[in-house]
Amino acid sequence: MEPIASPSGEPPAGGRRADALRNRQTLLDAAAEVFVASGVDAPIREIAARAGVGTGTVYRHFPTRADLVVAVYRHQVEACAEAGPSLLASTGSPFAALRRWIDLFVDFLVTKHGLAGALQSDSGGFAALHEYFLDRLLPVCTQLLDAAAAAGEIRPGTEAYELMRGVGNLCIGHDGDPRYDPRRLVDLLLRGLAHPA
């Protein structure tokens, strides 16, 4: 249903806000994809093209590249945080949910690695984002680990911070080495968590 136009012919303010929010989400998704494929220094026009908008729309939402980088980082953290409970509710077993969440976490880390480099010049801002990352994702990982341990699918006692840090360390070597597949090593790590049948 189309929003009813005002006498001036413009859609109501609520309709504009909804469109702006959709544009912002589309831009963040497009920027994350482009950052993974081409790095955080990719041309803004590439991000705009991926999102199906003009470059002016990108700059209207994100006046500087740093604004865009921070927004993508936060957007990716939120998507990863929201996925945990959803996977736990919809997946056949807690360990399967944990595995799928770790896959999403690895996707995030691939993006985050480049984002972190771009943000290092603002160490205070980066430290705040890292705290935000931990505050949002540690409880989700803990919930998944606790559920898998309670179901007897993994050995109890694995700390979320240790697992996330271990996965992160395995992802570091991915840049520029086509022979290195962090996902294979992450899979081996997760197999090591599994309770022997």
C-alpha atoms as a PDB file:
ATOM      1  CA  MET A   1       0.000   0.000   0.000  1.00  0.00           C
ATOM      2  CA  GLU A   2       1.455   3.367  -1.052  1.00  0.00           C
ATOM      3  CA  PRO A   3       1.822   6.073   1.608  1.00  0.00           C
ATOM      4  CA  ILE A   4      -0.743   8.831   1.247  1.00  0.00           C
ATOM      5  CA  ALA A   5       0.846  11.992  -0.107  1.00  0.00           C
ATOM      6  CA  SER A   6       0.513  15.304   1.648  1.00  0.00           C
ATOM      7  CA  PRO A   7      -1.101  18.265  -0.183  1.00  0.00           C
ATOM      8  CA  SER A   8       2.391  19.202  -1.389  1.00  0.00           C
ATOM      9  CA  GLY A   9       2.644  15.782  -3.053  1.00  0.00           C
ATOM     10  CA  GLU A  10       5.348  14.494  -0.673  1.00  0.00           C
ATOM     11  CA  PRO A  11       4.987  11.228   1.239  1.00  0.00           C
ATOM     12  CA  PRO A  12       4.405  11.602   4.969  1.00  0.00           C
ATOM     13  CA  ALA A  13       7.476  11.964   7.186  1.00  0.00           C
ATOM     14  CA  GLY A  14       7.089   8.385   8.459  1.00  0.00           C
ATOM     15  CA  GLY A  15       7.324   7.089   4.882  1.00  0.00           C
ATOM     16  CA  ARG A  16      10.501   9.106   4.267  1.00  0.00           C
ATOM     17  CA  ARG A  17      12.016   7.760   7.489  1.00  0.00           C
ATOM     18  CA  ALA A  18      11.211   4.177   6.496  1.00  0.00           C
ATOM     19  CA  ASP A  19      12.758   4.739   3.044  1.00  0.00           C
ATOM     20  CA  ALA A  20      15.846   6.321   4.606  1.00  0.00           C
ATOM     21  CA  LEU A  21      16.206   3.385   7.010  1.00  0.00           C
ATOM     22  CA  ARG A  22      15.885   0.881   4.141  1.00  0.00           C
ATOM     23  CA  ASN A  23      18.461   2.838   2.110  1.00  0.00           C
ATOM     24  CA  ARG A  24      20.823   2.860   5.089  1.00  0.00           C
ATOM     25  CA  GLN A  25      20.475  -0.913   5.644  1.00  0.00           C
ATOM     26  CA  THR A  26      21.005  -1.576   1.925  1.00  0.00           C
ATOM     27  CA  LEU A  27      24.109   0.620   1.958  1.00  0.00           C
ATOM     28  CA  LEU A  28      25.531  -1.123   5.020  1.00  0.00           C
ATOM     29  CA  ASP A  29      24.973  -4.569   3.489  1.00  0.00           C
ATOM     30  CA  ALA A  30      26.517  -3.447   0.192  1.00  0.00           C
ATOM     31  CA  ALA A  31      29.487  -1.814   1.930  1.00  0.00           C
ATOM     32  CA  ALA A  32      30.166  -4.963   3.972  1.00  0.00           C
ATOM     33  CA  GLU A  33      30.160  -7.079   0.795  1.00  0.00           C
ATOM     34  CA  VAL A  34      32.440  -4.650  -1.018  1.00  0.00           C
ATOM     35  CA  PHE A  35      34.791  -4.376   1.965  1.00  0.00           C
ATOM     36  CA  VAL A  36      35.155  -8.182   2.052  1.00  0.00           C
ATOM     37  CA  ALA A  37      35.782  -8.376  -1.709  1.00  0.00           C
ATOM     38  CA  SER A  38      37.854  -5.225  -2.276  1.00  0.00           C
ATOM     39  CA  GLY A  39      38.957  -3.941   1.125  1.00  0.00           C
ATOM     40  CA  VAL A  40      37.893  -0.875   3.085  1.00  0.00           C
ATOM     41  CA  ASP A  41      39.606   1.448   0.609  1.00  0.00           C
ATOM     42  CA  ALA A  42      37.231   0.388  -2.183  1.00  0.00           C
ATOM     43  CA  PRO A  43      35.802   3.329  -4.144  1.00  0.00           C
ATOM     44  CA  ILE A  44      32.544   4.745  -2.790  1.00  0.00           C
ATOM     45  CA  ARG A  45      31.085   4.457  -6.303  1.00  0.00           C
ATOM     46  CA  GLU A  46      31.560   0.652  -6.076  1.00  0.00           C
ATOM     47  CA  ILE A  47      29.529   0.573  -2.865  1.00  0.00           C
ATOM     48  CA  ALA A  48      26.871   2.841  -4.372  1.00  0.00           C
ATOM     49  CA  ALA A  49      26.627   0.632  -7.470  1.00  0.00           C
ATOM     50  CA  ARG A  50      26.288  -2.514  -5.339  1.00  0.00           C
ATOM     51  CA  ALA A  51      23.499  -0.822  -3.349  1.00  0.00           C
ATOM     52  CA  GLY A  52      21.788   0.491  -6.485  1.00  0.00           C
ATOM     53  CA  VAL A  53      22.026   4.147  -5.417  1.00  0.00           C
ATOM     54  CA  GLY A  54      24.023   7.213  -6.399  1.00  0.00           C
ATOM     55  CA  THR A  55      27.204   8.235  -4.602  1.00  0.00           C
ATOM     56  CA  GLY A  56      25.366  11.266  -3.225  1.00  0.00           C
ATOM     57  CA  THR A  57      23.089   8.912  -1.267  1.00  0.00           C
ATOM     58  CA  VAL A  58      26.124   7.245   0.312  1.00  0.00           C
ATOM     59  CA  TYR A  59      27.558  10.611   1.393  1.00  0.00           C
ATOM     60  CA  ARG A  60      24.179  11.803   2.648  1.00  0.00           C
ATOM     61  CA  HIS A  61      24.076   8.858   5.073  1.00  0.00           C
ATOM     62  CA  PHE A  62      27.825   8.653   5.759  1.00  0.00           C
ATOM     63  CA  PRO A  63      29.675  11.956   5.207  1.00  0.00           C
ATOM     64  CA  THR A  64      33.121  10.356   5.626  1.00  0.00           C
ATOM     65  CA  ARG A  65      34.634   6.942   4.945  1.00  0.00           C
ATOM     66  CA  ALA A  66      35.293   6.590   8.686  1.00  0.00           C
ATOM     67  CA  ASP A  67      31.567   7.108   9.359  1.00  0.00           C
ATOM     68  CA  LEU A  68      30.779   4.324   6.909  1.00  0.00           C
ATOM     69  CA  VAL A  69      33.423   1.988   8.336  1.00  0.00           C
ATOM     70  CA  VAL A  70      32.145   2.445  11.898  1.00  0.00           C
ATOM     71  CA  ALA A  71      28.534   1.959  10.788  1.00  0.00           C
ATOM     72  CA  VAL A  72      29.400  -1.259   8.921  1.00  0.00           C
ATOM     73  CA  TYR A  73      31.281  -2.560  11.960  1.00  0.00           C
ATOM     74  CA  ARG A  74      28.317  -1.884  14.269  1.00  0.00           C
ATOM     75  CA  HIS A  75      25.836  -3.279  11.721  1.00  0.00           C
ATOM     76  CA  GLN A  76      27.849  -6.503  11.427  1.00  0.00           C
ATOM     77  CA  VAL A  77      28.104  -6.878  15.210  1.00  0.00           C
ATOM     78  CA  GLU A  78      24.343  -6.458  15.577  1.00  0.00           C
ATOM     79  CA  ALA A  79      23.590  -8.987  12.834  1.00  0.00           C
ATOM     80  CA  CYS A  80      25.896 -11.524  14.484  1.00  0.00           C
ATOM     81  CA  ALA A  81      24.426 -10.857  17.944  1.00  0.00           C
ATOM     82  CA  GLU A  82      20.843 -11.222  16.739  1.00  0.00           C
ATOM     83  CA  ALA A  83      21.610 -14.443  14.867  1.00  0.00           C
ATOM     84  CA  GLY A  84      22.636 -16.410  17.982  1.00  0.00           C
ATOM     85  CA  PRO A  85      19.262 -16.699  19.737  1.00  0.00           C
ATOM     86  CA  SER A  86      17.504 -17.127  16.405  1.00  0.00           C
ATOM     87  CA  LEU A  87      19.765 -20.042  15.428  1.00  0.00           C
ATOM     88  CA  LEU A  88      19.369 -21.619  18.848  1.00  0.00           C
ATOM     89  CA  ALA A  89      15.580 -21.512  18.470  1.00  0.00           C
ATOM     90  CA  SER A  90      15.488 -22.774  14.872  1.00  0.00           C
ATOM     91  CA  THR A  91      18.330 -25.303  14.617  1.00  0.00           C
ATOM     92  CA  GLY A  92      18.018 -28.993  15.484  1.00  0.00           C
ATOM     93  CA  SER A  93      20.725 -28.978  18.138  1.00  0.00           C
ATOM     94  CA  PRO A  94      22.589 -26.368  20.177  1.00  0.00           C
ATOM     95  CA  PHE A  95      25.933 -27.534  18.762  1.00  0.00           C
ATOM     96  CA  ALA A  96      24.625 -27.154  15.197  1.00  0.00           C
ATOM     97  CA  ALA A  97      23.461 -23.641  16.158  1.00  0.00           C
ATOM     98  CA  LEU A  98      26.918 -22.900  17.599  1.00  0.00           C
ATOM     99  CA  ARG A  99      28.591 -24.111  14.380  1.00  0.00           C
ATOM    100  CA  ARG A 100      26.350 -21.933  12.208  1.00  0.00           C
ATOM    101  CA  TRP A 101      26.911 -18.936  14.475  1.00  0.00           C
ATOM    102  CA  ILE A 102      30.679 -19.436  14.318  1.00  0.00           C
ATOM    103  CA  ASP A 103      30.382 -19.417  10.488  1.00  0.00           C
ATOM    104  CA  LEU A 104      28.690 -16.010  10.737  1.00  0.00           C
ATOM    105  CA  PHE A 105      31.307 -14.864  13.219  1.00  0.00           C
ATOM    106  CA  VAL A 106      34.074 -15.852  10.788  1.00  0.00           C
ATOM    107  CA  ASP A 107      32.341 -13.837   8.038  1.00  0.00           C
ATOM    108  CA  PHE A 108      32.273 -10.888  10.418  1.00  0.00           C
ATOM    109  CA  LEU A 109      35.932 -11.328  11.336  1.00  0.00           C
ATOM    110  CA  VAL A 110      36.985 -11.279   7.688  1.00  0.00           C
ATOM    111  CA  THR A 111      35.241  -7.905   7.372  1.00  0.00           C
ATOM    112  CA  LYS A 112      36.388  -6.721  10.802  1.00  0.00           C
ATOM    113  CA  HIS A 113      40.050  -7.358  10.066  1.00  0.00           C
ATOM    114  CA  GLY A 114      40.053  -4.732   7.335  1.00  0.00           C
ATOM    115  CA  LEU A 115      37.823  -2.411   9.328  1.00  0.00           C
ATOM    116  CA  ALA A 116      40.135  -2.607  12.316  1.00  0.00           C
ATOM    117  CA  GLY A 117      43.083  -1.540  10.191  1.00  0.00           C
ATOM    118  CA  ALA A 118      41.134   1.416   8.859  1.00  0.00           C
ATOM    119  CA  LEU A 119      40.178   2.526  12.363  1.00  0.00           C
ATOM    120  CA  GLN A 120      43.572   2.160  14.065  1.00  0.00           C
ATOM    121  CA  SER A 121      44.345   5.862  13.570  1.00  0.00           C
ATOM    122  CA  ASP A 122      41.545   6.650  16.037  1.00  0.00           C
ATOM    123  CA  SER A 123      42.668   4.343  18.832  1.00  0.00           C
ATOM    124  CA  GLY A 124      40.100   5.682  21.320  1.00  0.00           C
ATOM    125  CA  GLY A 125      37.246   5.135  18.891  1.00  0.00           C
ATOM    126  CA  PHE A 126      38.540   1.695  17.999  1.00  0.00           C
ATOM    127  CA  ALA A 127      38.833   0.710  21.673  1.00  0.00           C
ATOM    128  CA  ALA A 128      35.196   1.745  22.211  1.00  0.00           C
ATOM    129  CA  LEU A 129      34.100  -0.345  19.217  1.00  0.00           C
ATOM    130  CA  HIS A 130      36.052  -3.332  20.502  1.00  0.00           C
ATOM    131  CA  GLU A 131      34.291  -3.023  23.872  1.00  0.00           C
ATOM    132  CA  TYR A 132      30.960  -2.851  22.046  1.00  0.00           C
ATOM    133  CA  PHE A 133      31.934  -5.979  20.079  1.00  0.00           C
ATOM    134  CA  LEU A 134      32.714  -7.887  23.289  1.00  0.00           C
ATOM    135  CA  ASP A 135      29.634  -6.605  25.140  1.00  0.00           C
ATOM    136  CA  ARG A 136      27.308  -7.736  22.339  1.00  0.00           C
ATOM    137  CA  LEU A 137      28.922 -11.013  21.231  1.00  0.00           C
ATOM    138  CA  LEU A 138      30.350 -12.631  24.379  1.00  0.00           C
ATOM    139  CA  PRO A 139      26.902 -13.217  25.946  1.00  0.00           C
ATOM    140  CA  VAL A 140      25.618 -14.728  22.676  1.00  0.00           C
ATOM    141  CA  CYS A 141      28.562 -17.119  22.406  1.00  0.00           C
ATOM    142  CA  THR A 142      28.187 -18.003  26.102  1.00  0.00           C
ATOM    143  CA  GLN A 143      24.502 -18.800  25.598  1.00  0.00           C
ATOM    144  CA  LEU A 144      25.299 -21.103  22.663  1.00  0.00           C
ATOM    145  CA  LEU A 145      28.144 -22.852  24.513  1.00  0.00           C
ATOM    146  CA  ASP A 146      26.029 -23.330  27.653  1.00  0.00           C
ATOM    147  CA  ALA A 147      23.141 -24.786  25.637  1.00  0.00           C
ATOM    148  CA  ALA A 148      25.448 -27.206  23.783  1.00  0.00           C
ATOM    149  CA  ALA A 149      27.098 -28.287  27.070  1.00  0.00           C
ATOM    150  CA  ALA A 150      23.714 -28.742  28.764  1.00  0.00           C
ATOM    151  CA  ALA A 151      22.618 -30.944  25.846  1.00  0.00           C
ATOM    152  CA  GLY A 152      25.768 -33.055  26.298  1.00  0.00           C
ATOM    153  CA  GLU A 153      27.003 -32.149  22.804  1.00  0.00           C
ATOM    154  CA  ILE A 154      30.255 -30.484  23.877  1.00  0.00           C
ATOM    155  CA  ARG A 155      32.592 -30.779  26.794  1.00  0.00           C
ATOM    156  CA  PRO A 156      31.667 -28.280  29.515  1.00  0.00           C
ATOM    157  CA  GLY A 157      34.021 -25.519  30.572  1.00  0.00           C
ATOM    158  CA  THR A 158      34.797 -23.744  27.303  1.00  0.00           C
ATOM    159  CA  GLU A 159      34.872 -19.992  27.830  1.00  0.00           C
ATOM    160  CA  ALA A 160      33.267 -17.796  25.161  1.00  0.00           C
ATOM    161  CA  TYR A 161      36.164 -15.341  25.194  1.00  0.00           C
ATOM    162  CA  GLU A 162      38.704 -18.128  24.613  1.00  0.00           C
ATOM    163  CA  LEU A 163      36.694 -19.605  21.748  1.00  0.00           C
ATOM    164  CA  MET A 164      36.092 -16.252  20.063  1.00  0.00           C
ATOM    165  CA  ARG A 165      39.711 -15.241  20.453  1.00  0.00           C
ATOM    166  CA  GLY A 166      40.893 -18.602  19.133  1.00  0.00           C
ATOM    167  CA  VAL A 167      38.630 -18.322  16.092  1.00  0.00           C
ATOM    168  CA  GLY A 168      39.830 -14.754  15.582  1.00  0.00           C
ATOM    169  CA  ASN A 169      43.467 -15.817  15.702  1.00  0.00           C
ATOM    170  CA  LEU A 170      42.813 -18.540  13.130  1.00  0.00           C
ATOM    171  CA  CYS A 171      41.264 -15.944  10.804  1.00  0.00           C
ATOM    172  CA  ILE A 172      44.263 -13.577  10.918  1.00  0.00           C
ATOM    173  CA  GLY A 173      46.346 -15.496   8.360  1.00  0.00           C
ATOM    174  CA  HIS A 174      43.615 -15.332   5.706  1.00  0.00           C
ATOM    175  CA  ASP A 175      44.768 -12.090   4.074  1.00  0.00           C
ATOM    176  CA  GLY A 176      46.670 -12.564   0.865  1.00  0.00           C
ATOM    177  CA  ASP A 177      47.355 -16.296   1.180  1.00  0.00           C
ATOM    178  CA  PRO A 178      45.065 -18.388  -1.018  1.00  0.00           C
ATOM    179  CA  ARG A 179      46.542 -21.586   0.449  1.00  0.00           C
ATOM    180  CA  TYR A 180      45.301 -20.737   3.943  1.00  0.00           C
ATOM    181  CA  ASP A 181      41.681 -21.598   4.732  1.00  0.00           C
ATOM    182  CA  PRO A 182      40.724 -20.471   8.225  1.00  0.00           C
ATOM    183  CA  ARG A 183      37.338 -22.172   7.943  1.00  0.00           C
ATOM    184  CA  ARG A 184      38.983 -25.600   7.761  1.00  0.00           C
ATOM    185  CA  LEU A 185      40.958 -24.899  10.928  1.00  0.00           C
ATOM    186  CA  VAL A 186      37.914 -23.437  12.690  1.00  0.00           C
ATOM    187  CA  ASP A 187      36.052 -26.636  11.797  1.00  0.00           C
ATOM    188  CA  LEU A 188      38.865 -28.689  13.383  1.00  0.00           C
ATOM    189  CA  LEU A 189      38.660 -26.503  16.492  1.00  0.00           C
ATOM    190  CA  LEU A 190      34.904 -27.062  16.767  1.00  0.00           C
ATOM    191  CA  ARG A 191      35.327 -30.806  16.287  1.00  0.00           C
ATOM    192  CA  GLY A 192      37.678 -30.731  19.241  1.00  0.00           C
ATOM    193  CA  LEU A 193      34.906 -29.229  21.375  1.00  0.00           C
ATOM    194  CA  ALA A 194      32.455 -31.972  20.511  1.00  0.00           C
ATOM    195  CA  HIS A 195      31.758 -34.535  23.200  1.00  0.00           C
ATOM    196  CA  PRO A 196      32.939 -37.963  22.030  1.00  0.00           C
ATOM    197  CA  ALA A 197      30.000 -40.071  20.928  1.00  0.00           C
END
